[in-house]
mmCIF file of all heavy atoms, coordinates in Angstrom:
data_MODEL
# 
_entry.id   MODEL 
# 
loop_
_atom_site.group_PDB 
_atom_site.id 
_atom_site.type_symbol 
_atom_site.label_atom_id 
_atom_site.label_alt_id 
_atom_site.label_comp_id 
_atom_site.label_asym_id 
_atom_site.label_entity_id 
_atom_site.label_seq_id 
_atom_site.pdbx_PDB_ins_code 
_atom_site.Cartn_x 
_atom_site.Cartn_y 
_atom_site.Cartn_z 
_atom_site.occupancy 
_atom_site.B_iso_or_equiv 
_atom_site.pdbx_formal_charge 
_atom_site.auth_seq_id 
_atom_site.auth_comp_id 
_atom_site.auth_asym_id 
_atom_site.auth_atom_id 
_atom_site.pdbx_PDB_model_num 
ATOM 1   N N   . HIS A 1 1  ? 112.476 7.737  29.080 1.00 0.00 ? 1  HIS A N   1 
ATOM 2   C CA  . HIS A 1 1  ? 113.340 8.827  28.828 1.00 0.00 ? 1  HIS A CA  1 
ATOM 3   C C   . HIS A 1 1  ? 112.974 10.082 29.651 1.00 0.00 ? 1  HIS A C   1 
ATOM 4   O O   . HIS A 1 1  ? 111.960 10.024 30.406 1.00 0.00 ? 1  HIS A O   1 
ATOM 5   C CB  . HIS A 1 1  ? 113.459 9.134  27.327 1.00 0.00 ? 1  HIS A CB  1 
ATOM 6   C CG  . HIS A 1 1  ? 112.102 9.342  26.651 1.00 0.00 ? 1  HIS A CG  1 
ATOM 7   N ND1 . HIS A 1 1  ? 111.336 10.464 26.933 1.00 0.00 ? 1  HIS A ND1 1 
ATOM 8   C CD2 . HIS A 1 1  ? 111.405 8.602  25.809 1.00 0.00 ? 1  HIS A CD2 1 
ATOM 9   C CE1 . HIS A 1 1  ? 110.243 10.392 26.204 1.00 0.00 ? 1  HIS A CE1 1 
ATOM 10  N NE2 . HIS A 1 1  ? 110.248 9.277  25.492 1.00 0.00 ? 1  HIS A NE2 1 
ATOM 11  N N   . CYS A 1 2  ? 113.708 11.120 29.431 1.00 0.00 ? 2  CYS A N   1 
ATOM 12  C CA  . CYS A 1 2  ? 113.493 12.374 30.255 1.00 0.00 ? 2  CYS A CA  1 
ATOM 13  C C   . CYS A 1 2  ? 112.111 12.949 30.282 1.00 0.00 ? 2  CYS A C   1 
ATOM 14  O O   . CYS A 1 2  ? 111.702 13.368 31.277 1.00 0.00 ? 2  CYS A O   1 
ATOM 15  C CB  . CYS A 1 2  ? 114.476 13.495 29.766 1.00 0.00 ? 2  CYS A CB  1 
ATOM 16  S SG  . CYS A 1 2  ? 114.303 13.934 28.089 1.00 0.00 ? 2  CYS A SG  1 
ATOM 17  N N   . GLU A 1 3  ? 111.320 12.806 29.163 1.00 0.00 ? 3  GLU A N   1 
ATOM 18  C CA  . GLU A 1 3  ? 109.965 13.351 29.130 1.00 0.00 ? 3  GLU A CA  1 
ATOM 19  C C   . GLU A 1 3  ? 109.065 12.639 30.078 1.00 0.00 ? 3  GLU A C   1 
ATOM 20  O O   . GLU A 1 3  ? 108.143 13.206 30.632 1.00 0.00 ? 3  GLU A O   1 
ATOM 21  C CB  . GLU A 1 3  ? 109.445 13.408 27.719 1.00 0.00 ? 3  GLU A CB  1 
ATOM 22  C CG  . GLU A 1 3  ? 110.169 14.534 26.872 1.00 0.00 ? 3  GLU A CG  1 
ATOM 23  C CD  . GLU A 1 3  ? 109.445 14.767 25.526 1.00 0.00 ? 3  GLU A CD  1 
ATOM 24  O OE1 . GLU A 1 3  ? 108.710 13.793 25.111 1.00 0.00 ? 3  GLU A OE1 1 
ATOM 25  O OE2 . GLU A 1 3  ? 109.640 15.838 24.967 1.00 0.00 ? 3  GLU A OE2 1 
ATOM 26  N N   . TYR A 1 4  ? 109.306 11.334 30.270 1.00 0.00 ? 4  TYR A N   1 
ATOM 27  C CA  . TYR A 1 4  ? 108.495 10.569 31.219 1.00 0.00 ? 4  TYR A CA  1 
ATOM 28  C C   . TYR A 1 4  ? 108.797 11.024 32.642 1.00 0.00 ? 4  TYR A C   1 
ATOM 29  O O   . TYR A 1 4  ? 107.823 11.258 33.439 1.00 0.00 ? 4  TYR A O   1 
ATOM 30  C CB  . TYR A 1 4  ? 108.799 9.059  31.104 1.00 0.00 ? 4  TYR A CB  1 
ATOM 31  C CG  . TYR A 1 4  ? 108.199 8.383  29.940 1.00 0.00 ? 4  TYR A CG  1 
ATOM 32  C CD1 . TYR A 1 4  ? 108.877 8.144  28.813 1.00 0.00 ? 4  TYR A CD1 1 
ATOM 33  C CD2 . TYR A 1 4  ? 106.887 7.940  30.017 1.00 0.00 ? 4  TYR A CD2 1 
ATOM 34  C CE1 . TYR A 1 4  ? 108.294 7.487  27.684 1.00 0.00 ? 4  TYR A CE1 1 
ATOM 35  C CE2 . TYR A 1 4  ? 106.266 7.303  28.936 1.00 0.00 ? 4  TYR A CE2 1 
ATOM 36  C CZ  . TYR A 1 4  ? 106.957 7.054  27.765 1.00 0.00 ? 4  TYR A CZ  1 
ATOM 37  O OH  . TYR A 1 4  ? 106.403 6.429  26.723 1.00 0.00 ? 4  TYR A OH  1 
ATOM 38  N N   . PHE A 1 5  ? 110.061 11.232 32.958 1.00 0.00 ? 5  PHE A N   1 
ATOM 39  C CA  . PHE A 1 5  ? 110.413 11.694 34.280 1.00 0.00 ? 5  PHE A CA  1 
ATOM 40  C C   . PHE A 1 5  ? 109.928 13.086 34.588 1.00 0.00 ? 5  PHE A C   1 
ATOM 41  O O   . PHE A 1 5  ? 109.358 13.291 35.666 1.00 0.00 ? 5  PHE A O   1 
ATOM 42  C CB  . PHE A 1 5  ? 111.959 11.598 34.487 1.00 0.00 ? 5  PHE A CB  1 
ATOM 43  C CG  . PHE A 1 5  ? 112.448 10.205 34.627 1.00 0.00 ? 5  PHE A CG  1 
ATOM 44  C CD1 . PHE A 1 5  ? 112.882 9.497  33.481 1.00 0.00 ? 5  PHE A CD1 1 
ATOM 45  C CD2 . PHE A 1 5  ? 112.538 9.627  35.810 1.00 0.00 ? 5  PHE A CD2 1 
ATOM 46  C CE1 . PHE A 1 5  ? 113.425 8.245  33.585 1.00 0.00 ? 5  PHE A CE1 1 
ATOM 47  C CE2 . PHE A 1 5  ? 113.078 8.318  35.948 1.00 0.00 ? 5  PHE A CE2 1 
ATOM 48  C CZ  . PHE A 1 5  ? 113.492 7.619  34.840 1.00 0.00 ? 5  PHE A CZ  1 
ATOM 49  N N   . SER A 1 6  ? 110.089 13.996 33.676 1.00 0.00 ? 6  SER A N   1 
ATOM 50  C CA  . SER A 1 6  ? 109.661 15.356 33.952 1.00 0.00 ? 6  SER A CA  1 
ATOM 51  C C   . SER A 1 6  ? 108.111 15.433 34.010 1.00 0.00 ? 6  SER A C   1 
ATOM 52  O O   . SER A 1 6  ? 107.635 16.164 34.881 1.00 0.00 ? 6  SER A O   1 
ATOM 53  C CB  . SER A 1 6  ? 110.182 16.327 32.808 1.00 0.00 ? 6  SER A CB  1 
ATOM 54  O OG  . SER A 1 6  ? 109.768 15.916 31.606 1.00 0.00 ? 6  SER A OG  1 
ATOM 55  N N   . THR A 1 7  ? 107.444 14.775 33.126 1.00 0.00 ? 7  THR A N   1 
ATOM 56  C CA  . THR A 1 7  ? 105.921 14.761 33.273 1.00 0.00 ? 7  THR A CA  1 
ATOM 57  C C   . THR A 1 7  ? 105.467 14.130 34.543 1.00 0.00 ? 7  THR A C   1 
ATOM 58  O O   . THR A 1 7  ? 104.584 14.651 35.148 1.00 0.00 ? 7  THR A O   1 
ATOM 59  C CB  . THR A 1 7  ? 105.369 13.953 32.050 1.00 0.00 ? 7  THR A CB  1 
ATOM 60  O OG1 . THR A 1 7  ? 105.836 14.567 30.813 1.00 0.00 ? 7  THR A OG1 1 
ATOM 61  C CG2 . THR A 1 7  ? 103.881 13.983 32.069 1.00 0.00 ? 7  THR A CG2 1 
ATOM 62  N N   . ALA A 1 8  ? 106.083 13.056 34.898 1.00 0.00 ? 8  ALA A N   1 
ATOM 63  C CA  . ALA A 1 8  ? 105.695 12.374 36.161 1.00 0.00 ? 8  ALA A CA  1 
ATOM 64  C C   . ALA A 1 8  ? 105.853 13.352 37.381 1.00 0.00 ? 8  ALA A C   1 
ATOM 65  O O   . ALA A 1 8  ? 105.002 13.500 38.216 1.00 0.00 ? 8  ALA A O   1 
ATOM 66  C CB  . ALA A 1 8  ? 106.511 11.106 36.389 1.00 0.00 ? 8  ALA A CB  1 
ATOM 67  N N   . MET A 1 9  ? 106.985 13.997 37.462 1.00 0.00 ? 9  MET A N   1 
ATOM 68  C CA  . MET A 1 9  ? 107.258 14.935 38.573 1.00 0.00 ? 9  MET A CA  1 
ATOM 69  C C   . MET A 1 9  ? 106.279 16.068 38.545 1.00 0.00 ? 9  MET A C   1 
ATOM 70  O O   . MET A 1 9  ? 105.800 16.474 39.646 1.00 0.00 ? 9  MET A O   1 
ATOM 71  C CB  . MET A 1 9  ? 108.701 15.448 38.525 1.00 0.00 ? 9  MET A CB  1 
ATOM 72  C CG  . MET A 1 9  ? 109.044 16.329 39.677 1.00 0.00 ? 9  MET A CG  1 
ATOM 73  S SD  . MET A 1 9  ? 110.819 16.762 39.763 1.00 0.00 ? 9  MET A SD  1 
ATOM 74  C CE  . MET A 1 9  ? 110.812 17.876 41.174 1.00 0.00 ? 9  MET A CE  1 
ATOM 75  N N   . ALA A 1 10 ? 106.076 16.674 37.422 1.00 0.00 ? 10 ALA A N   1 
ATOM 76  C CA  . ALA A 1 10 ? 105.172 17.808 37.388 1.00 0.00 ? 10 ALA A CA  1 
ATOM 77  C C   . ALA A 1 10 ? 103.757 17.465 37.758 1.00 0.00 ? 10 ALA A C   1 
ATOM 78  O O   . ALA A 1 10 ? 103.111 18.193 38.601 1.00 0.00 ? 10 ALA A O   1 
ATOM 79  C CB  . ALA A 1 10 ? 105.135 18.412 35.939 1.00 0.00 ? 10 ALA A CB  1 
ATOM 80  N N   . VAL A 1 11 ? 103.209 16.306 37.335 1.00 0.00 ? 11 VAL A N   1 
ATOM 81  C CA  . VAL A 1 11 ? 101.888 15.893 37.685 1.00 0.00 ? 11 VAL A CA  1 
ATOM 82  C C   . VAL A 1 11 ? 101.864 15.523 39.181 1.00 0.00 ? 11 VAL A C   1 
ATOM 83  O O   . VAL A 1 11 ? 100.863 15.937 39.911 1.00 0.00 ? 11 VAL A O   1 
ATOM 84  C CB  . VAL A 1 11 ? 101.472 14.688 36.806 1.00 0.00 ? 11 VAL A CB  1 
ATOM 85  C CG1 . VAL A 1 11 ? 100.179 14.042 37.356 1.00 0.00 ? 11 VAL A CG1 1 
ATOM 86  C CG2 . VAL A 1 11 ? 101.280 15.075 35.381 1.00 0.00 ? 11 VAL A CG2 1 
ATOM 87  N N   . MET A 1 12 ? 102.834 14.833 39.671 1.00 0.00 ? 12 MET A N   1 
ATOM 88  C CA  . MET A 1 12 ? 102.835 14.461 41.139 1.00 0.00 ? 12 MET A CA  1 
ATOM 89  C C   . MET A 1 12 ? 102.870 15.700 41.996 1.00 0.00 ? 12 MET A C   1 
ATOM 90  O O   . MET A 1 12 ? 102.211 15.739 43.036 1.00 0.00 ? 12 MET A O   1 
ATOM 91  C CB  . MET A 1 12 ? 104.043 13.491 41.378 1.00 0.00 ? 12 MET A CB  1 
ATOM 92  C CG  . MET A 1 12 ? 103.903 12.158 40.674 1.00 0.00 ? 12 MET A CG  1 
ATOM 93  S SD  . MET A 1 12 ? 105.463 11.213 40.684 1.00 0.00 ? 12 MET A SD  1 
ATOM 94  C CE  . MET A 1 12 ? 105.391 10.665 42.348 1.00 0.00 ? 12 MET A CE  1 
ATOM 95  N N   . LEU A 1 13 ? 103.669 16.681 41.657 1.00 0.00 ? 13 LEU A N   1 
ATOM 96  C CA  . LEU A 1 13 ? 103.663 17.900 42.417 1.00 0.00 ? 13 LEU A CA  1 
ATOM 97  C C   . LEU A 1 13 ? 102.324 18.624 42.336 1.00 0.00 ? 13 LEU A C   1 
ATOM 98  O O   . LEU A 1 13 ? 101.819 19.130 43.367 1.00 0.00 ? 13 LEU A O   1 
ATOM 99  C CB  . LEU A 1 13 ? 104.756 18.863 41.943 1.00 0.00 ? 13 LEU A CB  1 
ATOM 100 C CG  . LEU A 1 13 ? 106.215 18.468 42.285 1.00 0.00 ? 13 LEU A CG  1 
ATOM 101 C CD1 . LEU A 1 13 ? 107.265 19.322 41.639 1.00 0.00 ? 13 LEU A CD1 1 
ATOM 102 C CD2 . LEU A 1 13 ? 106.355 18.507 43.805 1.00 0.00 ? 13 LEU A CD2 1 
ATOM 103 N N   . ARG A 1 14 ? 101.707 18.689 41.187 1.00 0.00 ? 14 ARG A N   1 
ATOM 104 C CA  . ARG A 1 14 ? 100.414 19.345 41.053 1.00 0.00 ? 14 ARG A CA  1 
ATOM 105 C C   . ARG A 1 14 ? 99.332  18.663 41.858 1.00 0.00 ? 14 ARG A C   1 
ATOM 106 O O   . ARG A 1 14 ? 98.433  19.376 42.416 1.00 0.00 ? 14 ARG A O   1 
ATOM 107 C CB  . ARG A 1 14 ? 100.033 19.400 39.598 1.00 0.00 ? 14 ARG A CB  1 
ATOM 108 C CG  . ARG A 1 14 ? 100.913 20.343 38.793 1.00 0.00 ? 14 ARG A CG  1 
ATOM 109 C CD  . ARG A 1 14 ? 100.323 20.521 37.327 1.00 0.00 ? 14 ARG A CD  1 
ATOM 110 N NE  . ARG A 1 14 ? 101.192 21.411 36.567 1.00 0.00 ? 14 ARG A NE  1 
ATOM 111 C CZ  . ARG A 1 14 ? 100.798 21.882 35.355 1.00 0.00 ? 14 ARG A CZ  1 
ATOM 112 N NH1 . ARG A 1 14 ? 99.669  21.560 34.824 1.00 0.00 ? 14 ARG A NH1 1 
ATOM 113 N NH2 . ARG A 1 14 ? 101.570 22.698 34.701 1.00 0.00 ? 14 ARG A NH2 1 
ATOM 114 N N   . THR A 1 15 ? 99.455  17.360 42.050 1.00 0.00 ? 15 THR A N   1 
ATOM 115 C CA  . THR A 1 15 ? 98.414  16.685 42.912 1.00 0.00 ? 15 THR A CA  1 
ATOM 116 C C   . THR A 1 15 ? 98.504  17.134 44.359 1.00 0.00 ? 15 THR A C   1 
ATOM 117 O O   . THR A 1 15 ? 97.539  16.947 45.093 1.00 0.00 ? 15 THR A O   1 
ATOM 118 C CB  . THR A 1 15 ? 98.603  15.164 42.837 1.00 0.00 ? 15 THR A CB  1 
ATOM 119 O OG1 . THR A 1 15 ? 99.866  14.811 43.359 1.00 0.00 ? 15 THR A OG1 1 
ATOM 120 C CG2 . THR A 1 15 ? 98.501  14.623 41.427 1.00 0.00 ? 15 THR A CG2 1 
ATOM 121 N N   . HIS A 1 16 ? 99.625  17.731 44.758 1.00 0.00 ? 16 HIS A N   1 
ATOM 122 C CA  . HIS A 1 16 ? 99.816  18.202 46.096 1.00 0.00 ? 16 HIS A CA  1 
ATOM 123 C C   . HIS A 1 16 ? 99.890  19.720 46.167 1.00 0.00 ? 16 HIS A C   1 
ATOM 124 O O   . HIS A 1 16 ? 100.534 20.261 47.099 1.00 0.00 ? 16 HIS A O   1 
ATOM 125 C CB  . HIS A 1 16 ? 101.042 17.496 46.700 1.00 0.00 ? 16 HIS A CB  1 
ATOM 126 C CG  . HIS A 1 16 ? 100.774 16.109 47.177 1.00 0.00 ? 16 HIS A CG  1 
ATOM 127 N ND1 . HIS A 1 16 ? 100.520 15.118 46.269 1.00 0.00 ? 16 HIS A ND1 1 
ATOM 128 C CD2 . HIS A 1 16 ? 100.692 15.586 48.389 1.00 0.00 ? 16 HIS A CD2 1 
ATOM 129 C CE1 . HIS A 1 16 ? 100.310 13.978 46.961 1.00 0.00 ? 16 HIS A CE1 1 
ATOM 130 N NE2 . HIS A 1 16 ? 100.396 14.277 48.233 1.00 0.00 ? 16 HIS A NE2 1 
ATOM 131 N N   . GLY A 1 17 ? 99.356  20.405 45.145 1.00 0.00 ? 17 GLY A N   1 
ATOM 132 C CA  . GLY A 1 17 ? 99.178  21.828 45.279 1.00 0.00 ? 17 GLY A CA  1 
ATOM 133 C C   . GLY A 1 17 ? 100.426 22.581 45.024 1.00 0.00 ? 17 GLY A C   1 
ATOM 134 O O   . GLY A 1 17 ? 100.579 23.742 45.427 1.00 0.00 ? 17 GLY A O   1 
ATOM 135 N N   . VAL A 1 18 ? 101.448 22.014 44.331 1.00 0.00 ? 18 VAL A N   1 
ATOM 136 C CA  . VAL A 1 18 ? 102.733 22.707 44.076 1.00 0.00 ? 18 VAL A CA  1 
ATOM 137 C C   . VAL A 1 18 ? 102.725 23.058 42.578 1.00 0.00 ? 18 VAL A C   1 
ATOM 138 O O   . VAL A 1 18 ? 102.624 22.200 41.705 1.00 0.00 ? 18 VAL A O   1 
ATOM 139 C CB  . VAL A 1 18 ? 103.935 21.853 44.387 1.00 0.00 ? 18 VAL A CB  1 
ATOM 140 C CG1 . VAL A 1 18 ? 105.184 22.620 44.060 1.00 0.00 ? 18 VAL A CG1 1 
ATOM 141 C CG2 . VAL A 1 18 ? 103.934 21.501 45.873 1.00 0.00 ? 18 VAL A CG2 1 
ATOM 142 N N   . ALA A 1 19 ? 102.819 24.363 42.242 1.00 0.00 ? 19 ALA A N   1 
ATOM 143 C CA  . ALA A 1 19 ? 102.818 24.831 40.880 1.00 0.00 ? 19 ALA A CA  1 
ATOM 144 C C   . ALA A 1 19 ? 104.134 24.396 40.116 1.00 0.00 ? 19 ALA A C   1 
ATOM 145 O O   . ALA A 1 19 ? 105.218 24.695 40.586 1.00 0.00 ? 19 ALA A O   1 
ATOM 146 C CB  . ALA A 1 19 ? 102.665 26.343 40.784 1.00 0.00 ? 19 ALA A CB  1 
ATOM 147 N N   . ALA A 1 20 ? 103.944 23.650 39.061 1.00 0.00 ? 20 ALA A N   1 
ATOM 148 C CA  . ALA A 1 20 ? 105.092 23.124 38.315 1.00 0.00 ? 20 ALA A CA  1 
ATOM 149 C C   . ALA A 1 20 ? 104.814 23.126 36.846 1.00 0.00 ? 20 ALA A C   1 
ATOM 150 O O   . ALA A 1 20 ? 103.663 23.098 36.403 1.00 0.00 ? 20 ALA A O   1 
ATOM 151 C CB  . ALA A 1 20 ? 105.454 21.695 38.786 1.00 0.00 ? 20 ALA A CB  1 
ATOM 152 N N   . ARG A 1 21 ? 105.891 23.142 36.049 1.00 0.00 ? 21 ARG A N   1 
ATOM 153 C CA  . ARG A 1 21 ? 105.772 23.113 34.595 1.00 0.00 ? 21 ARG A CA  1 
ATOM 154 C C   . ARG A 1 21 ? 106.931 22.257 34.000 1.00 0.00 ? 21 ARG A C   1 
ATOM 155 O O   . ARG A 1 21 ? 107.988 22.138 34.634 1.00 0.00 ? 21 ARG A O   1 
ATOM 156 C CB  . ARG A 1 21 ? 105.779 24.487 33.989 1.00 0.00 ? 21 ARG A CB  1 
ATOM 157 C CG  . ARG A 1 21 ? 107.071 25.242 34.115 1.00 0.00 ? 21 ARG A CG  1 
ATOM 158 C CD  . ARG A 1 21 ? 106.933 26.687 33.599 1.00 0.00 ? 21 ARG A CD  1 
ATOM 159 N NE  . ARG A 1 21 ? 108.192 27.432 33.669 1.00 0.00 ? 21 ARG A NE  1 
ATOM 160 C CZ  . ARG A 1 21 ? 108.320 28.673 33.359 1.00 0.00 ? 21 ARG A CZ  1 
ATOM 161 N NH1 . ARG A 1 21 ? 107.289 29.379 32.944 1.00 0.00 ? 21 ARG A NH1 1 
ATOM 162 N NH2 . ARG A 1 21 ? 109.510 29.342 33.462 1.00 0.00 ? 21 ARG A NH2 1 
ATOM 163 N N   . VAL A 1 22 ? 106.684 21.678 32.832 1.00 0.00 ? 22 VAL A N   1 
ATOM 164 C CA  . VAL A 1 22 ? 107.712 20.913 32.122 1.00 0.00 ? 22 VAL A CA  1 
ATOM 165 C C   . VAL A 1 22 ? 108.407 21.852 31.104 1.00 0.00 ? 22 VAL A C   1 
ATOM 166 O O   . VAL A 1 22 ? 107.783 22.609 30.452 1.00 0.00 ? 22 VAL A O   1 
ATOM 167 C CB  . VAL A 1 22 ? 107.067 19.679 31.396 1.00 0.00 ? 22 VAL A CB  1 
ATOM 168 C CG1 . VAL A 1 22 ? 108.093 18.994 30.527 1.00 0.00 ? 22 VAL A CG1 1 
ATOM 169 C CG2 . VAL A 1 22 ? 106.402 18.736 32.400 1.00 0.00 ? 22 VAL A CG2 1 
ATOM 170 N N   . VAL A 1 23 ? 109.757 21.727 31.089 1.00 0.00 ? 23 VAL A N   1 
ATOM 171 C CA  . VAL A 1 23 ? 110.531 22.522 30.219 1.00 0.00 ? 23 VAL A CA  1 
ATOM 172 C C   . VAL A 1 23 ? 111.328 21.665 29.240 1.00 0.00 ? 23 VAL A C   1 
ATOM 173 O O   . VAL A 1 23 ? 111.939 20.698 29.646 1.00 0.00 ? 23 VAL A O   1 
ATOM 174 C CB  . VAL A 1 23 ? 111.553 23.406 30.967 1.00 0.00 ? 23 VAL A CB  1 
ATOM 175 C CG1 . VAL A 1 23 ? 112.321 24.363 30.062 1.00 0.00 ? 23 VAL A CG1 1 
ATOM 176 C CG2 . VAL A 1 23 ? 110.850 24.275 32.040 1.00 0.00 ? 23 VAL A CG2 1 
ATOM 177 N N   . ASN A 1 24 ? 111.246 21.991 27.961 1.00 0.00 ? 24 ASN A N   1 
ATOM 178 C CA  . ASN A 1 24 ? 112.074 21.279 26.953 1.00 0.00 ? 24 ASN A CA  1 
ATOM 179 C C   . ASN A 1 24 ? 113.153 22.170 26.469 1.00 0.00 ? 24 ASN A C   1 
ATOM 180 O O   . ASN A 1 24 ? 112.945 23.403 26.196 1.00 0.00 ? 24 ASN A O   1 
ATOM 181 C CB  . ASN A 1 24 ? 111.167 20.907 25.796 1.00 0.00 ? 24 ASN A CB  1 
ATOM 182 C CG  . ASN A 1 24 ? 110.201 19.772 26.113 1.00 0.00 ? 24 ASN A CG  1 
ATOM 183 O OD1 . ASN A 1 24 ? 110.533 18.870 26.863 1.00 0.00 ? 24 ASN A OD1 1 
ATOM 184 N ND2 . ASN A 1 24 ? 109.010 19.829 25.597 1.00 0.00 ? 24 ASN A ND2 1 
ATOM 185 N N   . GLY A 1 25 ? 114.363 21.653 26.403 1.00 0.00 ? 25 GLY A N   1 
ATOM 186 C CA  . GLY A 1 25 ? 115.521 22.438 25.908 1.00 0.00 ? 25 GLY A CA  1 
ATOM 187 C C   . GLY A 1 25 ? 116.699 21.544 25.645 1.00 0.00 ? 25 GLY A C   1 
ATOM 188 O O   . GLY A 1 25 ? 116.511 20.403 25.132 1.00 0.00 ? 25 GLY A O   1 
# 
C-alpha cells in the first residue's frame, strides 16, 4: 500500500543525498 511506496522512495532518495520526507494525509 501507499506507505510502502512512500517509505521506499524517501529512503532511496536519502541514500543518494536527496533530502526527503514522508507525508501522511
